[in-house]
């Protein structure tokens, strides 16, 4: 019984220690990080069109003027709201 348990333990240890190929996952992660960083750069540069281009075309944005959770704005509305935000920020500085 001890030999069986020892054999199972050694087998489990060897399987757990084998290196898995995560190349595809790492590539996808790196691509997503790059997109996130570019979106942040566009936001900081106050480029609403570029910022929103990182969102899906089917994005549903619920702005502060919406009273119900079922009321959504379009991607174009989101760009307009961001441009207004950027203009307010310029005036206040």
PDB file of N, CA and C in Angstrom:
ATOM      1  N   UNK A   1       0.822  -1.189   0.000  1.00  0.00           N
ATOM      2  CA  UNK A   1       0.000   0.000   0.000  1.00  0.00           C
ATOM      3  C   UNK A   1       0.868   1.255   0.000  1.00  0.00           C
ATOM      4  N   UNK A   2       1.985   1.202   0.751  1.00  0.00           N
ATOM      5  CA  UNK A   2       2.881   2.355   0.796  1.00  0.00           C
ATOM      6  C   UNK A   2       3.490   2.617  -0.577  1.00  0.00           C
ATOM      7  N   UNK A   3       3.858   1.534  -1.274  1.00  0.00           N
ATOM      8  CA  UNK A   3       4.447   1.686  -2.601  1.00  0.00           C
ATOM      9  C   UNK A   3       3.446   2.290  -3.579  1.00  0.00           C
ATOM     10  N   UNK A   4       2.172   1.905  -3.451  1.00  0.00           N
ATOM     11  CA  UNK A   4       1.126   2.441  -4.323  1.00  0.00           C
ATOM     12  C   UNK A   4       0.949   3.936  -4.085  1.00  0.00           C
ATOM     13  N   UNK A   5       0.877   4.328  -2.810  1.00  0.00           N
ATOM     14  CA  UNK A   5       0.735   5.739  -2.484  1.00  0.00           C
ATOM     15  C   UNK A   5       1.951   6.538  -2.927  1.00  0.00           C
ATOM     16  N   UNK A   6       3.133   5.979  -2.702  1.00  0.00           N
ATOM     17  CA  UNK A   6       4.353   6.647  -3.129  1.00  0.00           C
ATOM     18  C   UNK A   6       4.381   6.785  -4.651  1.00  0.00           C
ATOM     19  N   UNK A   7       3.970   5.752  -5.362  1.00  0.00           N
ATOM     20  CA  UNK A   7       3.910   5.801  -6.820  1.00  0.00           C
ATOM     21  C   UNK A   7       2.930   6.852  -7.318  1.00  0.00           C
ATOM     22  N   UNK A   8       1.772   6.938  -6.687  1.00  0.00           N
ATOM     23  CA  UNK A   8       0.784   7.963  -7.060  1.00  0.00           C
ATOM     24  C   UNK A   8       1.305   9.363  -6.776  1.00  0.00           C
ATOM     25  N   UNK A   9       1.977   9.525  -5.649  1.00  0.00           N
ATOM     26  CA  UNK A   9       2.531  10.833  -5.278  1.00  0.00           C
ATOM     27  C   UNK A   9       3.601  11.268  -6.278  1.00  0.00           C
ATOM     28  N   UNK A  10       4.502  10.352  -6.621  1.00  0.00           N
ATOM     29  CA  UNK A  10       5.572  10.668  -7.576  1.00  0.00           C
ATOM     30  C   UNK A  10       4.978  10.983  -8.947  1.00  0.00           C
ATOM     31  N   UNK A  11       4.010  10.203  -9.382  1.00  0.00           N
ATOM     32  CA  UNK A  11       3.363  10.443 -10.681  1.00  0.00           C
ATOM     33  C   UNK A  11       2.664  11.802 -10.702  1.00  0.00           C
ATOM     34  N   UNK A  12       1.948  12.107  -9.636  1.00  0.00           N
ATOM     35  CA  UNK A  12       1.252  13.391  -9.555  1.00  0.00           C
ATOM     36  C   UNK A  12       2.250  14.544  -9.551  1.00  0.00           C
ATOM     37  N   UNK A  13       3.352  14.377  -8.859  1.00  0.00           N
ATOM     38  CA  UNK A  13       4.377  15.416  -8.816  1.00  0.00           C
ATOM     39  C   UNK A  13       4.984  15.651 -10.191  1.00  0.00           C
ATOM     40  N   UNK A  14       5.245  14.585 -10.907  1.00  0.00           N
ATOM     41  CA  UNK A  14       5.845  14.727 -12.237  1.00  0.00           C
ATOM     42  C   UNK A  14       4.881  15.385 -13.215  1.00  0.00           C
ATOM     43  N   UNK A  15       3.624  15.042 -13.121  1.00  0.00           N
ATOM     44  CA  UNK A  15       2.626  15.630 -14.013  1.00  0.00           C
ATOM     45  C   UNK A  15       2.456  17.111 -13.690  1.00  0.00           C
ATOM     46  N   UNK A  16       2.431  17.456 -12.405  1.00  0.00           N
ATOM     47  CA  UNK A  16       2.244  18.841 -11.992  1.00  0.00           C
ATOM     48  C   UNK A  16       3.437  19.707 -12.362  1.00  0.00           C
ATOM     49  N   UNK A  17       4.606  19.146 -12.446  1.00  0.00           N
ATOM     50  CA  UNK A  17       5.818  19.912 -12.716  1.00  0.00           C
ATOM     51  C   UNK A  17       6.140  20.051 -14.196  1.00  0.00           C
ATOM     52  N   UNK A  18       5.396  19.369 -15.046  1.00  0.00           N
ATOM     53  CA  UNK A  18       5.687  19.513 -16.467  1.00  0.00           C
ATOM     54  C   UNK A  18       5.244  20.885 -16.933  1.00  0.00           C
ATOM     55  N   UNK A  19       6.046  21.476 -17.785  1.00  0.00           N
ATOM     56  CA  UNK A  19       5.752  22.817 -18.278  1.00  0.00           C
ATOM     57  C   UNK A  19       4.718  22.728 -19.396  1.00  0.00           C
ATOM     58  N   UNK A  20       3.684  23.519 -19.273  1.00  0.00           N
ATOM     59  CA  UNK A  20       2.656  23.567 -20.306  1.00  0.00           C
ATOM     60  C   UNK A  20       3.000  24.686 -21.277  1.00  0.00           C
ATOM     61  N   UNK A  21       2.598  24.526 -22.518  1.00  0.00           N
ATOM     62  CA  UNK A  21       2.850  25.539 -23.533  1.00  0.00           C
ATOM     63  C   UNK A  21       1.732  26.569 -23.480  1.00  0.00           C
ATOM     64  N   UNK A  22       2.045  27.719 -22.935  1.00  0.00           N
ATOM     65  CA  UNK A  22       1.070  28.796 -22.802  1.00  0.00           C
ATOM     66  C   UNK A  22       1.313  29.894 -23.827  1.00  0.00           C
ATOM     67  N   UNK A  23       1.962  29.574 -24.925  1.00  0.00           N
ATOM     68  CA  UNK A  23       2.316  30.578 -25.919  1.00  0.00           C
ATOM     69  C   UNK A  23       1.090  31.305 -26.454  1.00  0.00           C
ATOM     70  N   UNK A  24       0.043  30.563 -26.809  1.00  0.00           N
ATOM     71  CA  UNK A  24      -1.158  31.194 -27.357  1.00  0.00           C
ATOM     72  C   UNK A  24      -1.817  32.092 -26.316  1.00  0.00           C
ATOM     73  N   UNK A  25      -1.888  31.620 -25.079  1.00  0.00           N
ATOM     74  CA  UNK A  25      -2.480  32.431 -24.015  1.00  0.00           C
ATOM     75  C   UNK A  25      -1.663  33.693 -23.778  1.00  0.00           C
ATOM     76  N   UNK A  26      -0.344  33.558 -23.793  1.00  0.00           N
ATOM     77  CA  UNK A  26       0.519  34.715 -23.571  1.00  0.00           C
ATOM     78  C   UNK A  26       0.388  35.715 -24.711  1.00  0.00           C
ATOM     79  N   UNK A  27       0.301  35.223 -25.947  1.00  0.00           N
ATOM     80  CA  UNK A  27       0.129  36.113 -27.098  1.00  0.00           C
ATOM     81  C   UNK A  27      -1.185  36.872 -27.012  1.00  0.00           C
ATOM     82  N   UNK A  28      -2.251  36.180 -26.644  1.00  0.00           N
ATOM     83  CA  UNK A  28      -3.552  36.830 -26.490  1.00  0.00           C
ATOM     84  C   UNK A  28      -3.507  37.850 -25.362  1.00  0.00           C
ATOM     85  N   UNK A  29      -2.884  37.489 -24.257  1.00  0.00           N
ATOM     86  CA  UNK A  29      -2.754  38.410 -23.127  1.00  0.00           C
ATOM     87  C   UNK A  29      -1.980  39.664 -23.551  1.00  0.00           C
ATOM     88  N   UNK A  30      -0.851  39.475 -24.242  1.00  0.00           N
ATOM     89  CA  UNK A  30      -0.040  40.610 -24.686  1.00  0.00           C
ATOM     90  C   UNK A  30      -0.822  41.508 -25.644  1.00  0.00           C
ATOM     91  N   UNK A  31      -1.598  40.895 -26.539  1.00  0.00           N
ATOM     92  CA  UNK A  31      -2.418  41.667 -27.478  1.00  0.00           C
ATOM     93  C   UNK A  31      -3.469  42.487 -26.724  1.00  0.00           C
ATOM     94  N   UNK A  32      -4.111  41.879 -25.729  1.00  0.00           N
ATOM     95  CA  UNK A  32      -5.124  42.582 -24.943  1.00  0.00           C
ATOM     96  C   UNK A  32      -4.521  43.717 -24.127  1.00  0.00           C
ATOM     97  N   UNK A  33      -3.336  43.490 -23.576  1.00  0.00           N
ATOM     98  CA  UNK A  33      -2.657  44.546 -22.813  1.00  0.00           C
ATOM     99  C   UNK A  33      -2.307  45.709 -23.729  1.00  0.00           C
ATOM    100  N   UNK A  34      -1.835  45.389 -24.930  1.00  0.00           N
ATOM    101  CA  UNK A  34      -1.495  46.442 -25.899  1.00  0.00           C
ATOM    102  C   UNK A  34      -2.733  47.262 -26.268  1.00  0.00           C
ATOM    103  N   UNK A  35      -3.852  46.592 -26.501  1.00  0.00           N
ATOM    104  CA  UNK A  35      -5.104  47.302 -26.820  1.00  0.00           C
ATOM    105  C   UNK A  35      -5.545  48.176 -25.659  1.00  0.00           C
ATOM    106  N   UNK A  36      -5.458  47.650 -24.462  1.00  0.00           N
ATOM    107  CA  UNK A  36      -5.841  48.425 -23.269  1.00  0.00           C
ATOM    108  C   UNK A  36      -4.967  49.665 -23.133  1.00  0.00           C
ATOM    109  N   UNK A  37      -3.668  49.506 -23.319  1.00  0.00           N
ATOM    110  CA  UNK A  37      -2.753  50.646 -23.199  1.00  0.00           C
ATOM    111  C   UNK A  37      -3.013  51.689 -24.275  1.00  0.00           C
ATOM    112  N   UNK A  38      -3.292  51.250 -25.506  1.00  0.00           N
ATOM    113  CA  UNK A  38      -3.598  52.191 -26.580  1.00  0.00           C
ATOM    114  C   UNK A  38      -4.900  52.936 -26.311  1.00  0.00           C
ATOM    115  N   UNK A  39      -5.893  52.237 -25.770  1.00  0.00           N
ATOM    116  CA  UNK A  39      -7.156  52.886 -25.421  1.00  0.00           C
ATOM    117  C   UNK A  39      -6.929  53.941 -24.339  1.00  0.00           C
ATOM    118  N   UNK A  40      -6.113  53.627 -23.349  1.00  0.00           N
ATOM    119  CA  UNK A  40      -5.799  54.603 -22.302  1.00  0.00           C
ATOM    120  C   UNK A  40      -5.056  55.807 -22.860  1.00  0.00           C
ATOM    121  N   UNK A  41      -4.141  55.563 -23.796  1.00  0.00           N
ATOM    122  CA  UNK A  41      -3.407  56.665 -24.432  1.00  0.00           C
ATOM    123  C   UNK A  41      -4.360  57.562 -25.216  1.00  0.00           C
ATOM    124  N   UNK A  42      -5.306  56.961 -25.919  1.00  0.00           N
ATOM    125  CA  UNK A  42      -6.296  57.740 -26.674  1.00  0.00           C
ATOM    126  C   UNK A  42      -7.162  58.563 -25.733  1.00  0.00           C
ATOM    127  N   UNK A  43      -7.554  57.985 -24.610  1.00  0.00           N
ATOM    128  CA  UNK A  43      -8.358  58.730 -23.631  1.00  0.00           C
ATOM    129  C   UNK A  43      -7.563  59.901 -23.076  1.00  0.00           C
ATOM    130  N   UNK A  44      -6.308  59.658 -22.729  1.00  0.00           N
ATOM    131  CA  UNK A  44      -5.458  60.723 -22.179  1.00  0.00           C
ATOM    132  C   UNK A  44      -5.198  61.820 -23.208  1.00  0.00           C
ATOM    133  N   UNK A  45      -5.132  61.441 -24.490  1.00  0.00           N
ATOM    134  CA  UNK A  45      -4.926  62.411 -25.565  1.00  0.00           C
ATOM    135  C   UNK A  45      -6.227  63.102 -25.966  1.00  0.00           C
ATOM    136  N   UNK A  46      -7.304  62.758 -25.299  1.00  0.00           N
ATOM    137  CA  UNK A  46      -8.632  63.309 -25.555  1.00  0.00           C
ATOM    138  C   UNK A  46      -9.097  63.059 -26.983  1.00  0.00           C
ATOM    139  N   UNK A  47      -8.809  61.869 -27.475  1.00  0.00           N
ATOM    140  CA  UNK A  47      -9.232  61.439 -28.809  1.00  0.00           C
ATOM    141  C   UNK A  47     -10.393  60.459 -28.646  1.00  0.00           C
ATOM    142  N   UNK A  48     -11.603  61.007 -28.595  1.00  0.00           N
ATOM    143  CA  UNK A  48     -12.792  60.199 -28.311  1.00  0.00           C
ATOM    144  C   UNK A  48     -13.022  59.126 -29.365  1.00  0.00           C
ATOM    145  N   UNK A  49     -12.832  59.474 -30.640  1.00  0.00           N
ATOM    146  CA  UNK A  49     -13.065  58.501 -31.707  1.00  0.00           C
ATOM    147  C   UNK A  49     -12.114  57.313 -31.588  1.00  0.00           C
ATOM    148  N   UNK A  50     -10.842  57.600 -31.327  1.00  0.00           N
ATOM    149  CA  UNK A  50      -9.867  56.520 -31.196  1.00  0.00           C
ATOM    150  C   UNK A  50     -10.162  55.688 -29.945  1.00  0.00           C
ATOM    151  N   UNK A  51     -10.495  56.344 -28.837  1.00  0.00           N
ATOM    152  CA  UNK A  51     -10.812  55.636 -27.599  1.00  0.00           C
ATOM    153  C   UNK A  51     -11.981  54.679 -27.798  1.00  0.00           C
ATOM    154  N   UNK A  52     -13.034  55.157 -28.401  1.00  0.00           N
ATOM    155  CA  UNK A  52     -14.243  54.356 -28.581  1.00  0.00           C
ATOM    156  C   UNK A  52     -14.027  53.271 -29.637  1.00  0.00           C
ATOM    157  N   UNK A  53     -13.033  53.428 -30.500  1.00  0.00           N
ATOM    158  CA  UNK A  53     -12.775  52.395 -31.508  1.00  0.00           C
ATOM    159  C   UNK A  53     -12.349  51.077 -30.874  1.00  0.00           C
ATOM    160  N   UNK A  54     -11.930  51.104 -29.635  1.00  0.00           N
ATOM    161  CA  UNK A  54     -11.547  49.875 -28.939  1.00  0.00           C
ATOM    162  C   UNK A  54     -12.751  49.147 -28.334  1.00  0.00           C
ATOM    163  N   UNK A  55     -13.929  49.730 -28.450  1.00  0.00           N
ATOM    164  CA  UNK A  55     -15.160  49.103 -27.980  1.00  0.00           C
ATOM    165  C   UNK A  55     -15.828  48.369 -29.141  1.00  0.00           C
ATOM    166  N   UNK A  56     -16.634  47.398 -28.826  1.00  0.00           N
ATOM    167  CA  UNK A  56     -17.392  46.686 -29.852  1.00  0.00           C
ATOM    168  C   UNK A  56     -18.431  47.623 -30.461  1.00  0.00           C
ATOM    169  N   UNK A  57     -18.781  47.395 -31.714  1.00  0.00           N
ATOM    170  CA  UNK A  57     -19.801  48.223 -32.364  1.00  0.00           C
ATOM    171  C   UNK A  57     -21.151  48.084 -31.675  1.00  0.00           C
ATOM    172  N   UNK A  58     -21.363  46.992 -30.991  1.00  0.00           N
ATOM    173  CA  UNK A  58     -22.647  46.734 -30.321  1.00  0.00           C
ATOM    174  C   UNK A  58     -22.663  47.225 -28.874  1.00  0.00           C
ATOM    175  N   UNK A  59     -21.697  48.074 -28.505  1.00  0.00           N
ATOM    176  CA  UNK A  59     -21.635  48.558 -27.123  1.00  0.00           C
ATOM    177  C   UNK A  59     -22.938  49.255 -26.753  1.00  0.00           C
ATOM    178  N   UNK A  60     -23.370  49.036 -25.531  1.00  0.00           N
ATOM    179  CA  UNK A  60     -24.568  49.697 -25.004  1.00  0.00           C
ATOM    180  C   UNK A  60     -24.122  50.522 -23.804  1.00  0.00           C
ATOM    181  N   UNK A  61     -24.166  51.822 -23.969  1.00  0.00           N
ATOM    182  CA  UNK A  61     -23.698  52.719 -22.931  1.00  0.00           C
ATOM    183  C   UNK A  61     -24.884  53.346 -22.224  1.00  0.00           C
ATOM    184  N   UNK A  62     -24.859  53.300 -20.917  1.00  0.00           N
ATOM    185  CA  UNK A  62     -25.929  53.865 -20.105  1.00  0.00           C
ATOM    186  C   UNK A  62     -25.386  55.114 -19.423  1.00  0.00           C
ATOM    187  N   UNK A  63     -25.609  56.247 -20.054  1.00  0.00           N
ATOM    188  CA  UNK A  63     -25.084  57.511 -19.544  1.00  0.00           C
ATOM    189  C   UNK A  63     -25.832  58.002 -18.312  1.00  0.00           C
ATOM    190  N   UNK A  64     -25.347  59.082 -17.717  1.00  0.00           N
ATOM    191  CA  UNK A  64     -25.944  59.577 -16.478  1.00  0.00           C
ATOM    192  C   UNK A  64     -27.356  60.135 -16.636  1.00  0.00           C
ATOM    193  N   UNK A  65     -27.731  60.474 -17.881  1.00  0.00           N
ATOM    194  CA  UNK A  65     -29.072  61.017 -18.099  1.00  0.00           C
ATOM    195  C   UNK A  65     -30.138  59.936 -18.199  1.00  0.00           C
ATOM    196  N   UNK A  66     -29.747  58.699 -18.221  1.00  0.00           N
ATOM    197  CA  UNK A  66     -30.696  57.584 -18.340  1.00  0.00           C
ATOM    198  C   UNK A  66     -31.317  57.275 -16.977  1.00  0.00           C
ATOM    199  N   UNK A  67     -32.607  57.116 -16.974  1.00  0.00           N
ATOM    200  CA  UNK A  67     -33.323  56.853 -15.728  1.00  0.00           C
ATOM    201  C   UNK A  67     -33.534  55.358 -15.477  1.00  0.00           C
ATOM    202  N   UNK A  68     -33.615  54.575 -16.544  1.00  0.00           N
ATOM    203  CA  UNK A  68     -33.864  53.149 -16.419  1.00  0.00           C
ATOM    204  C   UNK A  68     -32.666  52.358 -16.932  1.00  0.00           C
ATOM    205  N   UNK A  69     -32.455  51.184 -16.379  1.00  0.00           N
ATOM    206  CA  UNK A  69     -31.346  50.344 -16.818  1.00  0.00           C
ATOM    207  C   UNK A  69     -31.554  49.802 -18.230  1.00  0.00           C
ATOM    208  N   UNK A  70     -32.774  49.906 -18.737  1.00  0.00           N
ATOM    209  CA  UNK A  70     -33.057  49.406 -20.082  1.00  0.00           C
ATOM    210  C   UNK A  70     -32.848  50.479 -21.150  1.00  0.00           C
ATOM    211  N   UNK A  71     -32.473  51.687 -20.741  1.00  0.00           N
ATOM    212  CA  UNK A  71     -32.230  52.779 -21.687  1.00  0.00           C
ATOM    213  C   UNK A  71     -30.733  52.835 -21.998  1.00  0.00           C
ATOM    214  N   UNK A  72     -30.401  52.728 -23.274  1.00  0.00           N
ATOM    215  CA  UNK A  72     -29.004  52.734 -23.684  1.00  0.00           C
ATOM    216  C   UNK A  72     -28.760  53.787 -24.743  1.00  0.00           C
ATOM    217  N   UNK A  73     -27.517  54.208 -24.839  1.00  0.00           N
ATOM    218  CA  UNK A  73     -27.083  55.099 -25.901  1.00  0.00           C
ATOM    219  C   UNK A  73     -26.200  54.318 -26.866  1.00  0.00           C
ATOM    220  N   UNK A  74     -25.994  54.889 -28.040  1.00  0.00           N
ATOM    221  CA  UNK A  74     -25.184  54.232 -29.058  1.00  0.00           C
ATOM    222  C   UNK A  74     -23.710  54.618 -28.901  1.00  0.00           C
ATOM    223  N   UNK A  75     -22.899  54.019 -29.728  1.00  0.00           N
ATOM    224  CA  UNK A  75     -21.473  54.324 -29.748  1.00  0.00           C
ATOM    225  C   UNK A  75     -21.248  55.793 -30.138  1.00  0.00           C
ATOM    226  N   UNK A  76     -22.041  56.289 -31.081  1.00  0.00           N
ATOM    227  CA  UNK A  76     -21.941  57.689 -31.503  1.00  0.00           C
ATOM    228  C   UNK A  76     -22.282  58.626 -30.343  1.00  0.00           C
ATOM    229  N   UNK A  77     -23.277  58.259 -29.553  1.00  0.00           N
ATOM    230  CA  UNK A  77     -23.634  59.062 -28.379  1.00  0.00           C
ATOM    231  C   UNK A  77     -22.488  59.085 -27.362  1.00  0.00           C
ATOM    232  N   UNK A  78     -21.812  57.969 -27.253  1.00  0.00           N
ATOM    233  CA  UNK A  78     -20.682  57.872 -26.335  1.00  0.00           C
ATOM    234  C   UNK A  78     -19.549  58.812 -26.773  1.00  0.00           C
ATOM    235  N   UNK A  79     -19.283  58.864 -28.070  1.00  0.00           N
ATOM    236  CA  UNK A  79     -18.257  59.772 -28.596  1.00  0.00           C
ATOM    237  C   UNK A  79     -18.638  61.220 -28.306  1.00  0.00           C
ATOM    238  N   UNK A  80     -19.893  61.541 -28.517  1.00  0.00           N
ATOM    239  CA  UNK A  80     -20.372  62.900 -28.261  1.00  0.00           C
ATOM    240  C   UNK A  80     -20.226  63.260 -26.780  1.00  0.00           C
ATOM    241  N   UNK A  81     -20.562  62.348 -25.899  1.00  0.00           N
ATOM    242  CA  UNK A  81     -20.439  62.596 -24.463  1.00  0.00           C
ATOM    243  C   UNK A  81     -18.974  62.783 -24.053  1.00  0.00           C
ATOM    244  N   UNK A  82     -18.085  61.978 -24.625  1.00  0.00           N
ATOM    245  CA  UNK A  82     -16.661  62.126 -24.315  1.00  0.00           C
ATOM    246  C   UNK A  82     -16.124  63.459 -24.803  1.00  0.00           C
ATOM    247  N   UNK A  83     -16.532  63.886 -26.002  1.00  0.00           N
ATOM    248  CA  UNK A  83     -16.090  65.182 -26.505  1.00  0.00           C
ATOM    249  C   UNK A  83     -16.584  66.317 -25.616  1.00  0.00           C
ATOM    250  N   UNK A  84     -17.805  66.190 -25.113  1.00  0.00           N
ATOM    251  CA  UNK A  84     -18.309  67.210 -24.176  1.00  0.00           C
ATOM    252  C   UNK A  84     -17.488  67.193 -22.886  1.00  0.00           C
ATOM    253  N   UNK A  85     -17.140  66.024 -22.393  1.00  0.00           N
ATOM    254  CA  UNK A  85     -16.315  65.903 -21.199  1.00  0.00           C
ATOM    255  C   UNK A  85     -14.963  66.573 -21.414  1.00  0.00           C
ATOM    256  N   UNK A  86     -14.351  66.312 -22.559  1.00  0.00           N
ATOM    257  CA  UNK A  86     -13.048  66.906 -22.853  1.00  0.00           C
ATOM    258  C   UNK A  86     -13.145  68.423 -22.945  1.00  0.00           C
ATOM    259  N   UNK A  87     -14.231  68.934 -23.526  1.00  0.00           N
ATOM    260  CA  UNK A  87     -14.412  70.396 -23.627  1.00  0.00           C
ATOM    261  C   UNK A  87     -14.588  71.027 -22.263  1.00  0.00           C
ATOM    262  N   UNK A  88     -15.328  70.368 -21.386  1.00  0.00           N
ATOM    263  CA  UNK A  88     -15.507  70.877 -20.019  1.00  0.00           C
ATOM    264  C   UNK A  88     -14.172  70.883 -19.287  1.00  0.00           C
ATOM    265  N   UNK A  89     -13.384  69.854 -19.486  1.00  0.00           N
ATOM    266  CA  UNK A  89     -12.079  69.773 -18.829  1.00  0.00           C
ATOM    267  C   UNK A  89     -11.158  70.885 -19.311  1.00  0.00           C
ATOM    268  N   UNK A  90     -11.235  71.226 -20.605  1.00  0.00           N
ATOM    269  CA  UNK A  90     -10.392  72.307 -21.145  1.00  0.00           C
ATOM    270  C   UNK A  90     -10.791  73.645 -20.569  1.00  0.00           C
ATOM    271  N   UNK A  91     -12.091  73.892 -20.417  1.00  0.00           N
ATOM    272  CA  UNK A  91     -12.586  75.165 -19.894  1.00  0.00           C
ATOM    273  C   UNK A  91     -12.213  75.317 -18.424  1.00  0.00           C
ATOM    274  N   UNK A  92     -12.246  74.224 -17.668  1.00  0.00           N
ATOM    275  CA  UNK A  92     -11.997  74.315 -16.232  1.00  0.00           C
ATOM    276  C   UNK A  92     -10.518  74.470 -15.895  1.00  0.00           C
ATOM    277  N   UNK A  93      -9.615  74.221 -16.864  1.00  0.00           N
ATOM    278  CA  UNK A  93      -8.189  74.370 -16.580  1.00  0.00           C
ATOM    279  C   UNK A  93      -7.740  75.708 -16.955  1.00  0.00           C
TER     280      UNK A  93
END
